[in-house]
Amino acid sequence: MTSAALGSDVQMLETLNKGYVDAVQNSDVRWFDEHLTQDFLNSNPDGTLVDRAGFLERIAKPVGVKGLAPQDVRIRLMGDFAIIHAKTVYRTPDGRAGAGRYTDIWARRNGRWLCVAAHVTRG
């Protein structure tokens, strides 16, 4: 893989990562419908594991926090597979600062990057 192709993939994954966080903040089910694989799984902060349908159902409900933003984003590209690690910061409904971490796993399928799994924690 050339350095230009590698840079292009990293840029695309940076854009997708921002889109993912924005879609969570805005309960944007359509964004997730377009960017998750059919076999997507998500590990929730409470330890439950949900499939794509369960995740989309949860995303449809307002998130309840404001200012959700990623920090310390690390993209690890491994050919047609990528792992994104990051911290999130946000404000709770009562105005307190909150933070968590997430790991999203992406795969290139038919030339497109799609999220195959995610894991979310809150501190």
PDB file of N, CA and C in Angstrom:
ATOM      1  N   MET A   1       0.847  -1.172   0.000  1.00  0.00           N
ATOM      2  CA  MET A   1       0.000   0.000   0.000  1.00  0.00           C
ATOM      3  C   MET A   1       0.893   1.236   0.000  1.00  0.00           C
ATOM      4  N   THR A   2       0.602   2.157  -0.872  1.00  0.00           N
ATOM      5  CA  THR A   2       1.399   3.382  -0.953  1.00  0.00           C
ATOM      6  C   THR A   2       1.085   4.299   0.216  1.00  0.00           C
ATOM      7  N   SER A   3       1.995   5.227   0.469  1.00  0.00           N
ATOM      8  CA  SER A   3       1.744   6.170   1.566  1.00  0.00           C
ATOM      9  C   SER A   3       0.549   7.063   1.258  1.00  0.00           C
ATOM     10  N   ALA A   4       0.310   7.347  -0.030  1.00  0.00           N
ATOM     11  CA  ALA A   4      -0.869   8.152  -0.400  1.00  0.00           C
ATOM     12  C   ALA A   4      -2.152   7.397  -0.092  1.00  0.00           C
ATOM     13  N   ALA A   5      -2.185   6.102  -0.419  1.00  0.00           N
ATOM     14  CA  ALA A   5      -3.368   5.286  -0.134  1.00  0.00           C
ATOM     15  C   ALA A   5      -3.572   5.151   1.364  1.00  0.00           C
ATOM     16  N   LEU A   6      -2.480   4.955   2.081  1.00  0.00           N
ATOM     17  CA  LEU A   6      -2.553   4.858   3.539  1.00  0.00           C
ATOM     18  C   LEU A   6      -3.109   6.153   4.121  1.00  0.00           C
ATOM     19  N   GLY A   7      -2.609   7.294   3.647  1.00  0.00           N
ATOM     20  CA  GLY A   7      -3.092   8.593   4.120  1.00  0.00           C
ATOM     21  C   GLY A   7      -4.551   8.803   3.789  1.00  0.00           C
ATOM     22  N   SER A   8      -4.971   8.359   2.611  1.00  0.00           N
ATOM     23  CA  SER A   8      -6.370   8.480   2.200  1.00  0.00           C
ATOM     24  C   SER A   8      -7.279   7.657   3.119  1.00  0.00           C
ATOM     25  N   ASP A   9      -6.846   6.427   3.451  1.00  0.00           N
ATOM     26  CA  ASP A   9      -7.635   5.588   4.354  1.00  0.00           C
ATOM     27  C   ASP A   9      -7.730   6.213   5.739  1.00  0.00           C
ATOM     28  N   VAL A  10      -6.635   6.735   6.240  1.00  0.00           N
ATOM     29  CA  VAL A  10      -6.652   7.367   7.565  1.00  0.00           C
ATOM     30  C   VAL A  10      -7.578   8.576   7.553  1.00  0.00           C
ATOM     31  N   GLN A  11      -7.515   9.378   6.498  1.00  0.00           N
ATOM     32  CA  GLN A  11      -8.422  10.533   6.393  1.00  0.00           C
ATOM     33  C   GLN A  11      -9.881  10.082   6.385  1.00  0.00           C
ATOM     34  N   MET A  12     -10.177   9.041   5.605  1.00  0.00           N
ATOM     35  CA  MET A  12     -11.548   8.531   5.546  1.00  0.00           C
ATOM     36  C   MET A  12     -11.988   8.043   6.922  1.00  0.00           C
ATOM     37  N   LEU A  13     -11.128   7.329   7.623  1.00  0.00           N
ATOM     38  CA  LEU A  13     -11.476   6.822   8.952  1.00  0.00           C
ATOM     39  C   LEU A  13     -11.632   7.959   9.960  1.00  0.00           C
ATOM     40  N   GLU A  14     -10.844   9.014   9.828  1.00  0.00           N
ATOM     41  CA  GLU A  14     -11.033  10.198  10.685  1.00  0.00           C
ATOM     42  C   GLU A  14     -12.409  10.812  10.447  1.00  0.00           C
ATOM     43  N   THR A  15     -12.795  10.921   9.184  1.00  0.00           N
ATOM     44  CA  THR A  15     -14.111  11.465   8.838  1.00  0.00           C
ATOM     45  C   THR A  15     -15.222  10.570   9.360  1.00  0.00           C
ATOM     46  N   LEU A  16     -15.066   9.262   9.191  1.00  0.00           N
ATOM     47  CA  LEU A  16     -16.076   8.319   9.688  1.00  0.00           C
ATOM     48  C   LEU A  16     -16.171   8.359  11.207  1.00  0.00           C
ATOM     49  N   ASN A  17     -15.043   8.483  11.885  1.00  0.00           N
ATOM     50  CA  ASN A  17     -15.054   8.565  13.341  1.00  0.00           C
ATOM     51  C   ASN A  17     -15.831   9.788  13.812  1.00  0.00           C
ATOM     52  N   LYS A  18     -15.578  10.930  13.179  1.00  0.00           N
ATOM     53  CA  LYS A  18     -16.321  12.145  13.538  1.00  0.00           C
ATOM     54  C   LYS A  18     -17.803  11.958  13.247  1.00  0.00           C
ATOM     55  N   GLY A  19     -18.119  11.358  12.098  1.00  0.00           N
ATOM     56  CA  GLY A  19     -19.510  11.104  11.748  1.00  0.00           C
ATOM     57  C   GLY A  19     -20.195  10.197  12.752  1.00  0.00           C
ATOM     58  N   TYR A  20     -19.474   9.191  13.228  1.00  0.00           N
ATOM     59  CA  TYR A  20     -20.016   8.250  14.212  1.00  0.00           C
ATOM     60  C   TYR A  20     -20.398   8.993  15.496  1.00  0.00           C
ATOM     61  N   VAL A  21     -19.466   9.792  16.014  1.00  0.00           N
ATOM     62  CA  VAL A  21     -19.725  10.524  17.263  1.00  0.00           C
ATOM     63  C   VAL A  21     -20.859  11.529  17.066  1.00  0.00           C
ATOM     64  N   ASP A  22     -20.853  12.242  15.951  1.00  0.00           N
ATOM     65  CA  ASP A  22     -21.936  13.190  15.668  1.00  0.00           C
ATOM     66  C   ASP A  22     -23.285  12.470  15.567  1.00  0.00           C
ATOM     67  N   ALA A  23     -23.286  11.295  14.953  1.00  0.00           N
ATOM     68  CA  ALA A  23     -24.531  10.532  14.803  1.00  0.00           C
ATOM     69  C   ALA A  23     -25.058  10.059  16.154  1.00  0.00           C
ATOM     70  N   VAL A  24     -24.166   9.696  17.073  1.00  0.00           N
ATOM     71  CA  VAL A  24     -24.601   9.341  18.436  1.00  0.00           C
ATOM     72  C   VAL A  24     -25.234  10.566  19.088  1.00  0.00           C
ATOM     73  N   GLN A  25     -24.546  11.717  19.024  1.00  0.00           N
ATOM     74  CA  GLN A  25     -25.048  12.941  19.659  1.00  0.00           C
ATOM     75  C   GLN A  25     -26.424  13.325  19.126  1.00  0.00           C
ATOM     76  N   ASN A  26     -26.632  13.120  17.819  1.00  0.00           N
ATOM     77  CA  ASN A  26     -27.860  13.578  17.168  1.00  0.00           C
ATOM     78  C   ASN A  26     -28.895  12.476  16.913  1.00  0.00           C
ATOM     79  N   SER A  27     -28.684  11.309  17.487  1.00  0.00           N
ATOM     80  CA  SER A  27     -29.605  10.173  17.300  1.00  0.00           C
ATOM     81  C   SER A  27     -29.885   9.925  15.816  1.00  0.00           C
ATOM     82  N   ASP A  28     -28.824   9.941  15.014  1.00  0.00           N
ATOM     83  CA  ASP A  28     -28.937   9.834  13.559  1.00  0.00           C
ATOM     84  C   ASP A  28     -28.912   8.371  13.105  1.00  0.00           C
ATOM     85  N   VAL A  29     -30.061   7.740  13.161  1.00  0.00           N
ATOM     86  CA  VAL A  29     -30.185   6.334  12.783  1.00  0.00           C
ATOM     87  C   VAL A  29     -29.796   6.125  11.320  1.00  0.00           C
ATOM     88  N   ARG A  30     -30.136   7.062  10.466  1.00  0.00           N
ATOM     89  CA  ARG A  30     -29.824   6.910   9.044  1.00  0.00           C
ATOM     90  C   ARG A  30     -28.315   6.793   8.820  1.00  0.00           C
ATOM     91  N   TRP A  31     -27.521   7.614   9.522  1.00  0.00           N
ATOM     92  CA  TRP A  31     -26.074   7.536   9.364  1.00  0.00           C
ATOM     93  C   TRP A  31     -25.590   6.131   9.719  1.00  0.00           C
ATOM     94  N   PHE A  32     -26.066   5.618  10.848  1.00  0.00           N
ATOM     95  CA  PHE A  32     -25.637   4.286  11.260  1.00  0.00           C
ATOM     96  C   PHE A  32     -26.143   3.208  10.310  1.00  0.00           C
ATOM     97  N   ASP A  33     -27.344   3.359   9.802  1.00  0.00           N
ATOM     98  CA  ASP A  33     -27.878   2.383   8.855  1.00  0.00           C
ATOM     99  C   ASP A  33     -26.972   2.267   7.628  1.00  0.00           C
ATOM    100  N   GLU A  34     -26.346   3.368   7.240  1.00  0.00           N
ATOM    101  CA  GLU A  34     -25.462   3.385   6.076  1.00  0.00           C
ATOM    102  C   GLU A  34     -24.038   2.926   6.390  1.00  0.00           C
ATOM    103  N   HIS A  35     -23.619   2.948   7.658  1.00  0.00           N
ATOM    104  CA  HIS A  35     -22.214   2.717   7.989  1.00  0.00           C
ATOM    105  C   HIS A  35     -21.934   1.514   8.891  1.00  0.00           C
ATOM    106  N   LEU A  36     -22.959   0.752   9.241  1.00  0.00           N
ATOM    107  CA  LEU A  36     -22.751  -0.457  10.046  1.00  0.00           C
ATOM    108  C   LEU A  36     -22.947  -1.688   9.175  1.00  0.00           C
ATOM    109  N   THR A  37     -22.156  -2.724   9.435  1.00  0.00           N
ATOM    110  CA  THR A  37     -22.367  -3.996   8.744  1.00  0.00           C
ATOM    111  C   THR A  37     -23.644  -4.643   9.273  1.00  0.00           C
ATOM    112  N   GLN A  38     -24.167  -5.567   8.518  1.00  0.00           N
ATOM    113  CA  GLN A  38     -25.379  -6.275   8.955  1.00  0.00           C
ATOM    114  C   GLN A  38     -25.116  -7.104  10.212  1.00  0.00           C
ATOM    115  N   ASP A  39     -23.859  -7.550  10.409  1.00  0.00           N
ATOM    116  CA  ASP A  39     -23.526  -8.378  11.570  1.00  0.00           C
ATOM    117  C   ASP A  39     -22.881  -7.573  12.705  1.00  0.00           C
ATOM    118  N   PHE A  40     -23.068  -6.244  12.708  1.00  0.00           N
ATOM    119  CA  PHE A  40     -22.511  -5.350  13.717  1.00  0.00           C
ATOM    120  C   PHE A  40     -22.933  -5.770  15.132  1.00  0.00           C
ATOM    121  N   LEU A  41     -21.996  -5.660  16.078  1.00  0.00           N
ATOM    122  CA  LEU A  41     -22.270  -5.883  17.498  1.00  0.00           C
ATOM    123  C   LEU A  41     -21.688  -4.736  18.303  1.00  0.00           C
ATOM    124  N   ASN A  42     -22.387  -4.348  19.382  1.00  0.00           N
ATOM    125  CA  ASN A  42     -21.926  -3.284  20.260  1.00  0.00           C
ATOM    126  C   ASN A  42     -21.946  -3.748  21.711  1.00  0.00           C
ATOM    127  N   SER A  43     -20.814  -3.544  22.398  1.00  0.00           N
ATOM    128  CA  SER A  43     -20.738  -3.780  23.842  1.00  0.00           C
ATOM    129  C   SER A  43     -21.056  -2.455  24.526  1.00  0.00           C
ATOM    130  N   ASN A  44     -22.134  -2.438  25.289  1.00  0.00           N
ATOM    131  CA  ASN A  44     -22.595  -1.233  25.978  1.00  0.00           C
ATOM    132  C   ASN A  44     -21.853  -1.028  27.299  1.00  0.00           C
ATOM    133  N   PRO A  45     -21.883   0.192  27.836  1.00  0.00           N
ATOM    134  CA  PRO A  45     -21.223   0.462  29.115  1.00  0.00           C
ATOM    135  C   PRO A  45     -21.728  -0.416  30.266  1.00  0.00           C
ATOM    136  N   ASP A  46     -22.980  -0.881  30.189  1.00  0.00           N
ATOM    137  CA  ASP A  46     -23.516  -1.724  31.260  1.00  0.00           C
ATOM    138  C   ASP A  46     -23.149  -3.199  31.092  1.00  0.00           C
ATOM    139  N   GLY A  47     -22.335  -3.500  30.071  1.00  0.00           N
ATOM    140  CA  GLY A  47     -21.883  -4.873  29.869  1.00  0.00           C
ATOM    141  C   GLY A  47     -22.747  -5.690  28.930  1.00  0.00           C
ATOM    142  N   THR A  48     -23.863  -5.146  28.473  1.00  0.00           N
ATOM    143  CA  THR A  48     -24.707  -5.893  27.547  1.00  0.00           C
ATOM    144  C   THR A  48     -24.134  -5.824  26.135  1.00  0.00           C
ATOM    145  N   LEU A  49     -24.441  -6.838  25.353  1.00  0.00           N
ATOM    146  CA  LEU A  49     -24.029  -6.912  23.960  1.00  0.00           C
ATOM    147  C   LEU A  49     -25.290  -6.840  23.109  1.00  0.00           C
ATOM    148  N   VAL A  50     -25.321  -5.894  22.167  1.00  0.00           N
ATOM    149  CA  VAL A  50     -26.499  -5.760  21.318  1.00  0.00           C
ATOM    150  C   VAL A  50     -26.099  -5.905  19.854  1.00  0.00           C
ATOM    151  N   ASP A  51     -27.037  -6.431  19.087  1.00  0.00           N
ATOM    152  CA  ASP A  51     -26.822  -6.554  17.652  1.00  0.00           C
ATOM    153  C   ASP A  51     -27.183  -5.243  16.968  1.00  0.00           C
ATOM    154  N   ARG A  52     -27.098  -5.243  15.662  1.00  0.00           N
ATOM    155  CA  ARG A  52     -27.341  -4.036  14.872  1.00  0.00           C
ATOM    156  C   ARG A  52     -28.729  -3.449  15.148  1.00  0.00           C
ATOM    157  N   ALA A  53     -29.749  -4.297  15.133  1.00  0.00           N
ATOM    158  CA  ALA A  53     -31.123  -3.825  15.352  1.00  0.00           C
ATOM    159  C   ALA A  53     -31.268  -3.199  16.737  1.00  0.00           C
ATOM    160  N   GLY A  54     -30.708  -3.830  17.757  1.00  0.00           N
ATOM    161  CA  GLY A  54     -30.773  -3.287  19.110  1.00  0.00           C
ATOM    162  C   GLY A  54     -30.025  -1.981  19.243  1.00  0.00           C
ATOM    163  N   PHE A  55     -28.888  -1.881  18.551  1.00  0.00           N
ATOM    164  CA  PHE A  55     -28.110  -0.641  18.565  1.00  0.00           C
ATOM    165  C   PHE A  55     -28.884   0.484  17.894  1.00  0.00           C
ATOM    166  N   LEU A  56     -29.465   0.212  16.733  1.00  0.00           N
ATOM    167  CA  LEU A  56     -30.234   1.252  16.028  1.00  0.00           C
ATOM    168  C   LEU A  56     -31.439   1.700  16.857  1.00  0.00           C
ATOM    169  N   GLU A  57     -32.075   0.766  17.539  1.00  0.00           N
ATOM    170  CA  GLU A  57     -33.215   1.103  18.405  1.00  0.00           C
ATOM    171  C   GLU A  57     -32.765   2.037  19.527  1.00  0.00           C
ATOM    172  N   ARG A  58     -31.611   1.748  20.107  1.00  0.00           N
ATOM    173  CA  ARG A  58     -31.085   2.579  21.193  1.00  0.00           C
ATOM    174  C   ARG A  58     -30.677   3.958  20.671  1.00  0.00           C
ATOM    175  N   ILE A  59     -30.034   3.999  19.509  1.00  0.00           N
ATOM    176  CA  ILE A  59     -29.576   5.265  18.925  1.00  0.00           C
ATOM    177  C   ILE A  59     -30.757   6.188  18.611  1.00  0.00           C
ATOM    178  N   ALA A  60     -31.895   5.620  18.271  1.00  0.00           N
ATOM    179  CA  ALA A  60     -33.073   6.424  17.910  1.00  0.00           C
ATOM    180  C   ALA A  60     -33.553   7.287  19.082  1.00  0.00           C
ATOM    181  N   LYS A  61     -33.200   6.906  20.304  1.00  0.00           N
ATOM    182  CA  LYS A  61     -33.602   7.669  21.488  1.00  0.00           C
ATOM    183  C   LYS A  61     -32.574   8.759  21.772  1.00  0.00           C
ATOM    184  N   PRO A  62     -33.015   9.952  22.171  1.00  0.00           N
ATOM    185  CA  PRO A  62     -32.057  11.023  22.482  1.00  0.00           C
ATOM    186  C   PRO A  62     -31.014  10.559  23.492  1.00  0.00           C
ATOM    187  N   VAL A  63     -29.773  10.950  23.250  1.00  0.00           N
ATOM    188  CA  VAL A  63     -28.657  10.478  24.055  1.00  0.00           C
ATOM    189  C   VAL A  63     -28.638  11.072  25.466  1.00  0.00           C
ATOM    190  N   GLY A  64     -29.160  12.261  25.651  1.00  0.00           N
ATOM    191  CA  GLY A  64     -29.256  12.842  26.993  1.00  0.00           C
ATOM    192  C   GLY A  64     -28.012  13.583  27.459  1.00  0.00           C
ATOM    193  N   VAL A  65     -26.946  13.586  26.665  1.00  0.00           N
ATOM    194  CA  VAL A  65     -25.761  14.364  27.020  1.00  0.00           C
ATOM    195  C   VAL A  65     -25.550  15.425  25.944  1.00  0.00           C
ATOM    196  N   LYS A  66     -24.770  16.429  26.292  1.00  0.00           N
ATOM    197  CA  LYS A  66     -24.487  17.513  25.341  1.00  0.00           C
ATOM    198  C   LYS A  66     -22.978  17.615  25.125  1.00  0.00           C
ATOM    199  N   GLY A  67     -22.619  18.144  23.965  1.00  0.00           N
ATOM    200  CA  GLY A  67     -21.212  18.402  23.692  1.00  0.00           C
ATOM    201  C   GLY A  67     -20.359  17.167  23.537  1.00  0.00           C
ATOM    202  N   LEU A  68     -20.942  16.072  23.117  1.00  0.00           N
ATOM    203  CA  LEU A  68     -20.190  14.831  22.945  1.00  0.00           C
ATOM    204  C   LEU A  68     -19.088  15.049  21.914  1.00  0.00           C
ATOM    205  N   ALA A  69     -17.853  14.790  22.304  1.00  0.00           N
ATOM    206  CA  ALA A  69     -16.730  15.040  21.401  1.00  0.00           C
ATOM    207  C   ALA A  69     -15.627  14.009  21.635  1.00  0.00           C
ATOM    208  N   PRO A  70     -14.979  13.583  20.559  1.00  0.00           N
ATOM    209  CA  PRO A  70     -13.857  12.652  20.704  1.00  0.00           C
ATOM    210  C   PRO A  70     -12.557  13.395  21.026  1.00  0.00           C
ATOM    211  N   GLN A  71     -11.692  12.728  21.762  1.00  0.00           N
ATOM    212  CA  GLN A  71     -10.351  13.238  22.058  1.00  0.00           C
ATOM    213  C   GLN A  71      -9.380  12.070  21.993  1.00  0.00           C
ATOM    214  N   ASP A  72      -8.114  12.385  21.849  1.00  0.00           N
ATOM    215  CA  ASP A  72      -7.071  11.364  21.871  1.00  0.00           C
ATOM    216  C   ASP A  72      -7.409  10.205  20.922  1.00  0.00           C
ATOM    217  N   VAL A  73      -7.790  10.540  19.691  1.00  0.00           N
ATOM    218  CA  VAL A  73      -8.183   9.530  18.704  1.00  0.00           C
ATOM    219  C   VAL A  73      -6.929   8.853  18.154  1.00  0.00           C
ATOM    220  N   ARG A  74      -6.935   7.539  18.182  1.00  0.00           N
ATOM    221  CA  ARG A  74      -5.830   6.749  17.635  1.00  0.00           C
ATOM    222  C   ARG A  74      -6.399   5.771  16.623  1.00  0.00           C
ATOM    223  N   ILE A  75      -5.928   5.890  15.407  1.00  0.00           N
ATOM    224  CA  ILE A  75      -6.386   5.013  14.322  1.00  0.00           C
ATOM    225  C   ILE A  75      -5.268   4.047  13.992  1.00  0.00           C
ATOM    226  N   ARG A  76      -5.589   2.767  14.086  1.00  0.00           N
ATOM    227  CA  ARG A  76      -4.626   1.711  13.764  1.00  0.00           C
ATOM    228  C   ARG A  76      -5.122   1.015  12.505  1.00  0.00           C
ATOM    229  N   LEU A  77      -4.419   1.229  11.416  1.00  0.00           N
ATOM    230  CA  LEU A  77      -4.806   0.682  10.116  1.00  0.00           C
ATOM    231  C   LEU A  77      -4.008  -0.584   9.844  1.00  0.00           C
ATOM    232  N   MET A  78      -4.728  -1.651   9.505  1.00  0.00           N
ATOM    233  CA  MET A  78      -4.117  -2.956   9.247  1.00  0.00           C
ATOM    234  C   MET A  78      -4.676  -3.517   7.945  1.00  0.00           C
ATOM    235  N   GLY A  79      -4.327  -2.872   6.838  1.00  0.00           N
ATOM    236  CA  GLY A  79      -4.835  -3.310   5.540  1.00  0.00           C
ATOM    237  C   GLY A  79      -6.306  -2.963   5.398  1.00  0.00           C
ATOM    238  N   ASP A  80      -7.149  -3.977   5.257  1.00  0.00           N
ATOM    239  CA  ASP A  80      -8.593  -3.773   5.102  1.00  0.00           C
ATOM    240  C   ASP A  80      -9.328  -3.821   6.430  1.00  0.00           C
ATOM    241  N   PHE A  81      -8.607  -3.570   7.499  1.00  0.00           N
ATOM    242  CA  PHE A  81      -9.139  -3.652   8.847  1.00  0.00           C
ATOM    243  C   PHE A  81      -8.566  -2.484   9.637  1.00  0.00           C
ATOM    244  N   ALA A  82      -9.355  -1.842  10.469  1.00  0.00           N
ATOM    245  CA  ALA A  82      -8.867  -0.722  11.273  1.00  0.00           C
ATOM    246  C   ALA A  82      -9.527  -0.726  12.644  1.00  0.00           C
ATOM    247  N   ILE A  83      -8.774  -0.274  13.625  1.00  0.00           N
ATOM    248  CA  ILE A  83      -9.282  -0.129  14.990  1.00  0.00           C
ATOM    249  C   ILE A  83      -9.110   1.335  15.375  1.00  0.00           C
ATOM    250  N   ILE A  84     -10.182   1.919  15.890  1.00  0.00           N
ATOM    251  CA  ILE A  84     -10.124   3.299  16.365  1.00  0.00           C
ATOM    252  C   ILE A  84     -10.353   3.286  17.878  1.00  0.00           C
ATOM    253  N   HIS A  85      -9.394   3.832  18.607  1.00  0.00           N
ATOM    254  CA  HIS A  85      -9.493   4.000  20.056  1.00  0.00           C
ATOM    255  C   HIS A  85      -9.626   5.491  20.321  1.00  0.00           C
ATOM    256  N   ALA A  86     -10.484   5.886  21.233  1.00  0.00           N
ATOM    257  CA  ALA A  86     -10.608   7.310  21.553  1.00  0.00           C
ATOM    258  C   ALA A  86     -11.275   7.506  22.912  1.00  0.00           C
ATOM    259  N   LYS A  87     -11.121   8.704  23.408  1.00  0.00           N
ATOM    260  CA  LYS A  87     -11.802   9.154  24.622  1.00  0.00           C
ATOM    261  C   LYS A  87     -12.963  10.027  24.178  1.00  0.00           C
ATOM    262  N   THR A  88     -14.050  10.009  24.924  1.00  0.00           N
ATOM    263  CA  THR A  88     -15.139  10.961  24.690  1.00  0.00           C
ATOM    264  C   THR A  88     -15.288  11.841  25.923  1.00  0.00           C
ATOM    265  N   VAL A  89     -15.658  13.073  25.670  1.00  0.00           N
ATOM    266  CA  VAL A  89     -16.011  14.007  26.738  1.00  0.00           C
ATOM    267  C   VAL A  89     -17.402  14.540  26.424  1.00  0.00           C
ATOM    268  N   TYR A  90     -18.136  14.897  27.471  1.00  0.00           N
ATOM    269  CA  TYR A  90     -19.503  15.388  27.292  1.00  0.00           C
ATOM    270  C   TYR A  90     -19.971  16.049  28.578  1.00  0.00           C
ATOM    271  N   ARG A  91     -21.150  16.641  28.524  1.00  0.00           N
ATOM    272  CA  ARG A  91     -21.801  17.224  29.695  1.00  0.00           C
ATOM    273  C   ARG A  91     -23.082  16.439  29.971  1.00  0.00           C
ATOM    274  N   THR A  92     -23.281  16.079  31.228  1.00  0.00           N
ATOM    275  CA  THR A  92     -24.496  15.377  31.609  1.00  0.00           C
ATOM    276  C   THR A  92     -25.666  16.360  31.622  1.00  0.00           C
ATOM    277  N   PRO A  93     -26.902  15.868  31.685  1.00  0.00           N
ATOM    278  CA  PRO A  93     -28.054  16.783  31.693  1.00  0.00           C
ATOM    279  C   PRO A  93     -28.007  17.830  32.817  1.00  0.00           C
ATOM    280  N   ASP A  94     -27.365  17.485  33.939  1.00  0.00           N
ATOM    281  CA  ASP A  94     -27.274  18.465  35.031  1.00  0.00           C
ATOM    282  C   ASP A  94     -26.014  19.327  34.939  1.00  0.00           C
ATOM    283  N   GLY A  95     -25.266  19.227  33.822  1.00  0.00           N
ATOM    284  CA  GLY A  95     -24.133  20.102  33.583  1.00  0.00           C
ATOM    285  C   GLY A  95     -22.774  19.587  34.025  1.00  0.00           C
ATOM    286  N   ARG A  96     -22.739  18.414  34.655  1.00  0.00           N
ATOM    287  CA  ARG A  96     -21.449  17.868  35.088  1.00  0.00           C
ATOM    288  C   ARG A  96     -20.652  17.350  33.895  1.00  0.00           C
ATOM    289  N   ALA A  97     -19.329  17.400  34.025  1.00  0.00           N
ATOM    290  CA  ALA A  97     -18.452  16.856  32.985  1.00  0.00           C
ATOM    291  C   ALA A  97     -18.462  15.335  33.071  1.00  0.00           C
ATOM    292  N   GLY A  98     -18.489  14.696  31.912  1.00  0.00           N
ATOM    293  CA  GLY A  98     -18.431  13.241  31.841  1.00  0.00           C
ATOM    294  C   GLY A  98     -17.392  12.824  30.813  1.00  0.00           C
ATOM    295  N   ALA A  99     -16.948  11.594  30.929  1.00  0.00           N
ATOM    296  CA  ALA A  99     -15.960  11.081  29.979  1.00  0.00           C
ATOM    297  C   ALA A  99     -16.105   9.576  29.865  1.00  0.00           C
ATOM    298  N   GLY A 100     -15.603   9.043  28.784  1.00  0.00           N
ATOM    299  CA  GLY A 100     -15.596   7.613  28.565  1.00  0.00           C
ATOM    300  C   GLY A 100     -14.571   7.271  27.501  1.00  0.00           C
ATOM    301  N   ARG A 101     -14.547   6.023  27.105  1.00  0.00           N
ATOM    302  CA  ARG A 101     -13.665   5.573  26.034  1.00  0.00           C
ATOM    303  C   ARG A 101     -14.464   4.676  25.108  1.00  0.00           C
ATOM    304  N   TYR A 102     -13.993   4.582  23.873  1.00  0.00           N
ATOM    305  CA  TYR A 102     -14.608   3.648  22.932  1.00  0.00           C
ATOM    306  C   TYR A 102     -13.559   3.059  22.011  1.00  0.00           C
ATOM    307  N   THR A 103     -13.890   1.902  21.500  1.00  0.00           N
ATOM    308  CA  THR A 103     -13.098   1.234  20.481  1.00  0.00           C
ATOM    309  C   THR A 103     -14.067   0.822  19.388  1.00  0.00           C
ATOM    310  N   ASP A 104     -13.803   1.278  18.166  1.00  0.00           N
ATOM    311  CA  ASP A 104     -14.626   0.904  17.014  1.00  0.00           C
ATOM    312  C   ASP A 104     -13.761   0.094  16.059  1.00  0.00           C
ATOM    313  N   ILE A 105     -14.314  -0.961  15.519  1.00  0.00           N
ATOM    314  CA  ILE A 105     -13.605  -1.823  14.588  1.00  0.00           C
ATOM    315  C   ILE A 105     -14.254  -1.682  13.220  1.00  0.00           C
ATOM    316  N   TRP A 106     -13.427  -1.348  12.234  1.00  0.00           N
ATOM    317  CA  TRP A 106     -13.895  -1.088  10.880  1.00  0.00           C
ATOM    318  C   TRP A 106     -13.276  -2.087   9.910  1.00  0.00           C
ATOM    319  N   ALA A 107     -14.014  -2.452   8.888  1.00  0.00           N
ATOM    320  CA  ALA A 107     -13.518  -3.333   7.832  1.00  0.00           C
ATOM    321  C   ALA A 107     -13.874  -2.729   6.478  1.00  0.00           C
ATOM    322  N   ARG A 108     -12.945  -2.863   5.541  1.00  0.00           N
ATOM    323  CA  ARG A 108     -13.227  -2.416   4.184  1.00  0.00           C
ATOM    324  C   ARG A 108     -13.930  -3.575   3.478  1.00  0.00           C
ATOM    325  N   ARG A 109     -15.165  -3.316   3.066  1.00  0.00           N
ATOM    326  CA  ARG A 109     -15.954  -4.324   2.364  1.00  0.00           C
ATOM    327  C   ARG A 109     -16.455  -3.716   1.064  1.00  0.00           C
ATOM    328  N   ASN A 110     -16.127  -4.372  -0.035  1.00  0.00           N
ATOM    329  CA  ASN A 110     -16.506  -3.881  -1.363  1.00  0.00           C
ATOM    330  C   ASN A 110     -16.083  -2.430  -1.564  1.00  0.00           C
ATOM    331  N   GLY A 111     -14.880  -2.086  -1.077  1.00  0.00           N
ATOM    332  CA  GLY A 111     -14.330  -0.751  -1.283  1.00  0.00           C
ATOM    333  C   GLY A 111     -14.801   0.310  -0.305  1.00  0.00           C
ATOM    334  N   ARG A 112     -15.668  -0.051   0.636  1.00  0.00           N
ATOM    335  CA  ARG A 112     -16.204   0.915   1.621  1.00  0.00           C
ATOM    336  C   ARG A 112     -15.798   0.510   3.027  1.00  0.00           C
ATOM    337  N   TRP A 113     -15.501   1.497   3.859  1.00  0.00           N
ATOM    338  CA  TRP A 113     -15.244   1.226   5.271  1.00  0.00           C
ATOM    339  C   TRP A 113     -16.583   1.146   6.003  1.00  0.00           C
ATOM    340  N   LEU A 114     -16.804   0.036   6.705  1.00  0.00           N
ATOM    341  CA  LEU A 114     -18.021  -0.164   7.492  1.00  0.00           C
ATOM    342  C   LEU A 114     -17.631  -0.603   8.902  1.00  0.00           C
ATOM    343  N   CYS A 115     -18.388  -0.156   9.877  1.00  0.00           N
ATOM    344  CA  CYS A 115     -18.116  -0.521  11.270  1.00  0.00           C
ATOM    345  C   CYS A 115     -18.711  -1.893  11.548  1.00  0.00           C
ATOM    346  N   VAL A 116     -17.881  -2.799  12.061  1.00  0.00           N
ATOM    347  CA  VAL A 116     -18.331  -4.160  12.345  1.00  0.00           C
ATOM    348  C   VAL A 116     -18.581  -4.397  13.831  1.00  0.00           C
ATOM    349  N   ALA A 117     -17.945  -3.571  14.687  1.00  0.00           N
ATOM    350  CA  ALA A 117     -18.140  -3.747  16.126  1.00  0.00           C
ATOM    351  C   ALA A 117     -17.697  -2.498  16.871  1.00  0.00           C
ATOM    352  N   ALA A 118     -18.251  -2.330  18.073  1.00  0.00           N
ATOM    353  CA  ALA A 118     -17.891  -1.197  18.920  1.00  0.00           C
ATOM    354  C   ALA A 118     -17.960  -1.627  20.382  1.00  0.00           C
ATOM    355  N   HIS A 119     -17.183  -0.944  21.199  1.00  0.00           N
ATOM    356  CA  HIS A 119     -17.183  -1.181  22.640  1.00  0.00           C
ATOM    357  C   HIS A 119     -17.115   0.184  23.321  1.00  0.00           C
ATOM    358  N   VAL A 120     -18.015   0.430  24.250  1.00  0.00           N
ATOM    359  CA  VAL A 120     -18.119   1.742  24.901  1.00  0.00           C
ATOM    360  C   VAL A 120     -18.009   1.590  26.415  1.00  0.00           C
ATOM    361  N   THR A 121     -17.226   2.466  27.040  1.00  0.00           N
ATOM    362  CA  THR A 121     -17.155   2.523  28.507  1.00  0.00           C
ATOM    363  C   THR A 121     -17.419   3.964  28.940  1.00  0.00           C
ATOM    364  N   ARG A 122     -17.841   4.118  30.159  1.00  0.00           N
ATOM    365  CA  ARG A 122     -18.010   5.456  30.739  1.00  0.00           C
ATOM    366  C   ARG A 122     -17.326   5.479  32.091  1.00  0.00           C
ATOM    367  N   GLY A 123     -16.708   6.622  32.367  1.00  0.00           N
ATOM    368  CA  GLY A 123     -15.985   6.762  33.640  1.00  0.00           C
ATOM    369  C   GLY A 123     -16.805   7.430  34.688  1.00  0.00           C
TER     370      GLY A 123
END
